[in-house]
Amino acid sequence: STVENNLDALTIFALGDSKELVVRGQLNNETVLNLYDVQGRNIVSTSLDQTRIENRIDVSNLNSGVYVVTVQNNGQQKTQKVIIK
């Protein structure tokens, strides 16, 4: 019995012009997004709205650089690097 990871279908990217982090895709469960800097410090932690196809998180207060995004729900996890300009 394998559990299909619906988080693999999510698209995560940063918008350079509006300084927003976008998580696009259907969420079936309560989902939490964590944003870490390259030193591993948790910079942002927020719950995503599962009723929306696209969640946007304001990151205009962050410096430009490479960050790691982790999206988790019910034991499933997706981790991805993003570049915030």
C-alpha atoms as a PDB file:
ATOM      1  CA  SER A   1       0.000   0.000   0.000  1.00  0.00           C
ATOM      2  CA  THR A   2       1.545   3.235  -1.135  1.00  0.00           C
ATOM      3  CA  VAL A   3       0.361   6.692  -0.240  1.00  0.00           C
ATOM      4  CA  GLU A   4       0.276   9.068  -3.182  1.00  0.00           C
ATOM      5  CA  ASN A   5       2.045  12.300  -2.303  1.00  0.00           C
ATOM      6  CA  ASN A   6      -0.233  15.035  -3.591  1.00  0.00           C
ATOM      7  CA  LEU A   7       2.402  17.584  -2.560  1.00  0.00           C
ATOM      8  CA  ASP A   8       4.557  16.469  -5.515  1.00  0.00           C
ATOM      9  CA  ALA A   9       2.015  18.128  -7.808  1.00  0.00           C
ATOM     10  CA  LEU A  10       2.529  21.530  -6.141  1.00  0.00           C
ATOM     11  CA  THR A  11       4.449  24.250  -7.939  1.00  0.00           C
ATOM     12  CA  ILE A  12       6.492  26.558  -5.706  1.00  0.00           C
ATOM     13  CA  PHE A  13       8.197  29.690  -7.024  1.00  0.00           C
ATOM     14  CA  ALA A  14       9.039  33.300  -6.132  1.00  0.00           C
ATOM     15  CA  LEU A  15       7.742  36.325  -8.009  1.00  0.00           C
ATOM     16  CA  GLY A  16      10.531  38.867  -8.393  1.00  0.00           C
ATOM     17  CA  ASP A  17       8.424  41.916  -9.165  1.00  0.00           C
ATOM     18  CA  SER A  18       5.966  41.644  -6.261  1.00  0.00           C
ATOM     19  CA  LYS A  19       8.272  39.797  -3.811  1.00  0.00           C
ATOM     20  CA  GLU A  20       5.797  37.026  -3.172  1.00  0.00           C
ATOM     21  CA  LEU A  21       6.224  33.301  -2.727  1.00  0.00           C
ATOM     22  CA  VAL A  22       3.592  31.343  -4.672  1.00  0.00           C
ATOM     23  CA  VAL A  23       2.387  27.816  -3.904  1.00  0.00           C
ATOM     24  CA  ARG A  24       0.126  26.620  -6.717  1.00  0.00           C
ATOM     25  CA  GLY A  25      -1.849  23.381  -6.675  1.00  0.00           C
ATOM     26  CA  GLN A  26      -4.694  21.614  -4.904  1.00  0.00           C
ATOM     27  CA  LEU A  27      -4.259  21.009  -1.170  1.00  0.00           C
ATOM     28  CA  ASN A  28      -6.351  18.197   0.302  1.00  0.00           C
ATOM     29  CA  ASN A  29      -5.415  18.612   3.954  1.00  0.00           C
ATOM     30  CA  GLU A  30      -4.282  21.249   6.416  1.00  0.00           C
ATOM     31  CA  THR A  31      -0.861  22.266   5.094  1.00  0.00           C
ATOM     32  CA  VAL A  32       1.973  24.266   6.670  1.00  0.00           C
ATOM     33  CA  LEU A  33       4.693  26.143   4.784  1.00  0.00           C
ATOM     34  CA  ASN A  34       8.073  26.827   6.384  1.00  0.00           C
ATOM     35  CA  LEU A  35      10.718  29.051   4.802  1.00  0.00           C
ATOM     36  CA  TYR A  36      14.345  28.605   5.878  1.00  0.00           C
ATOM     37  CA  ASP A  37      17.453  30.624   5.089  1.00  0.00           C
ATOM     38  CA  VAL A  38      20.696  28.930   3.989  1.00  0.00           C
ATOM     39  CA  GLN A  39      21.825  28.666   7.634  1.00  0.00           C
ATOM     40  CA  GLY A  40      18.717  26.599   8.432  1.00  0.00           C
ATOM     41  CA  ARG A  41      16.901  29.270  10.450  1.00  0.00           C
ATOM     42  CA  ASN A  42      13.109  29.245  10.161  1.00  0.00           C
ATOM     43  CA  ILE A  43      12.220  32.651   8.680  1.00  0.00           C
ATOM     44  CA  VAL A  44       8.499  32.202   7.900  1.00  0.00           C
ATOM     45  CA  SER A  45       5.964  29.652   9.103  1.00  0.00           C
ATOM     46  CA  THR A  46       2.374  29.873   7.885  1.00  0.00           C
ATOM     47  CA  SER A  47      -0.682  27.718   7.237  1.00  0.00           C
ATOM     48  CA  LEU A  48      -1.854  27.519   3.634  1.00  0.00           C
ATOM     49  CA  ASP A  49      -5.506  27.935   2.672  1.00  0.00           C
ATOM     50  CA  GLN A  50      -6.632  24.555   1.310  1.00  0.00           C
ATOM     51  CA  THR A  51      -9.700  26.079  -0.330  1.00  0.00           C
ATOM     52  CA  ARG A  52      -7.522  28.057  -2.758  1.00  0.00           C
ATOM     53  CA  ILE A  53      -5.606  26.731  -5.757  1.00  0.00           C
ATOM     54  CA  GLU A  54      -2.931  29.428  -5.370  1.00  0.00           C
ATOM     55  CA  ASN A  55      -1.503  30.664  -2.074  1.00  0.00           C
ATOM     56  CA  ARG A  56       0.704  33.761  -2.010  1.00  0.00           C
ATOM     57  CA  ILE A  57       3.011  34.667   0.865  1.00  0.00           C
ATOM     58  CA  ASP A  58       4.475  38.167   1.132  1.00  0.00           C
ATOM     59  CA  VAL A  59       8.289  38.005   1.417  1.00  0.00           C
ATOM     60  CA  SER A  60       9.007  41.684   0.724  1.00  0.00           C
ATOM     61  CA  ASN A  61      10.681  42.023   4.140  1.00  0.00           C
ATOM     62  CA  LEU A  62      13.315  39.384   3.283  1.00  0.00           C
ATOM     63  CA  ASN A  63      16.720  40.003   1.756  1.00  0.00           C
ATOM     64  CA  SER A  64      17.498  38.681  -1.700  1.00  0.00           C
ATOM     65  CA  GLY A  65      19.032  35.230  -1.699  1.00  0.00           C
ATOM     66  CA  VAL A  66      18.488  31.484  -1.725  1.00  0.00           C
ATOM     67  CA  TYR A  67      15.882  30.007   0.619  1.00  0.00           C
ATOM     68  CA  VAL A  68      14.493  26.541   1.241  1.00  0.00           C
ATOM     69  CA  VAL A  69      10.714  26.020   1.263  1.00  0.00           C
ATOM     70  CA  THR A  70       9.182  23.041   3.057  1.00  0.00           C
ATOM     71  CA  VAL A  71       5.482  22.234   2.636  1.00  0.00           C
ATOM     72  CA  GLN A  72       4.069  19.591   5.006  1.00  0.00           C
ATOM     73  CA  ASN A  73       0.750  17.873   5.684  1.00  0.00           C
ATOM     74  CA  ASN A  74      -0.220  14.541   7.277  1.00  0.00           C
ATOM     75  CA  GLY A  75       3.303  13.128   7.205  1.00  0.00           C
ATOM     76  CA  GLN A  76       3.905  14.206   3.597  1.00  0.00           C
ATOM     77  CA  GLN A  77       6.561  16.757   2.759  1.00  0.00           C
ATOM     78  CA  LYS A  78       7.910  18.627  -0.244  1.00  0.00           C
ATOM     79  CA  THR A  79      11.135  20.613  -0.056  1.00  0.00           C
ATOM     80  CA  GLN A  80      12.382  23.005  -2.716  1.00  0.00           C
ATOM     81  CA  LYS A  81      14.950  25.762  -3.115  1.00  0.00           C
ATOM     82  CA  VAL A  82      13.749  29.188  -4.245  1.00  0.00           C
ATOM     83  CA  ILE A  83      15.625  32.357  -5.139  1.00  0.00           C
ATOM     84  CA  ILE A  84      14.115  35.596  -3.861  1.00  0.00           C
ATOM     85  CA  LYS A  85      15.293  38.628  -5.833  1.00  0.00           C
END
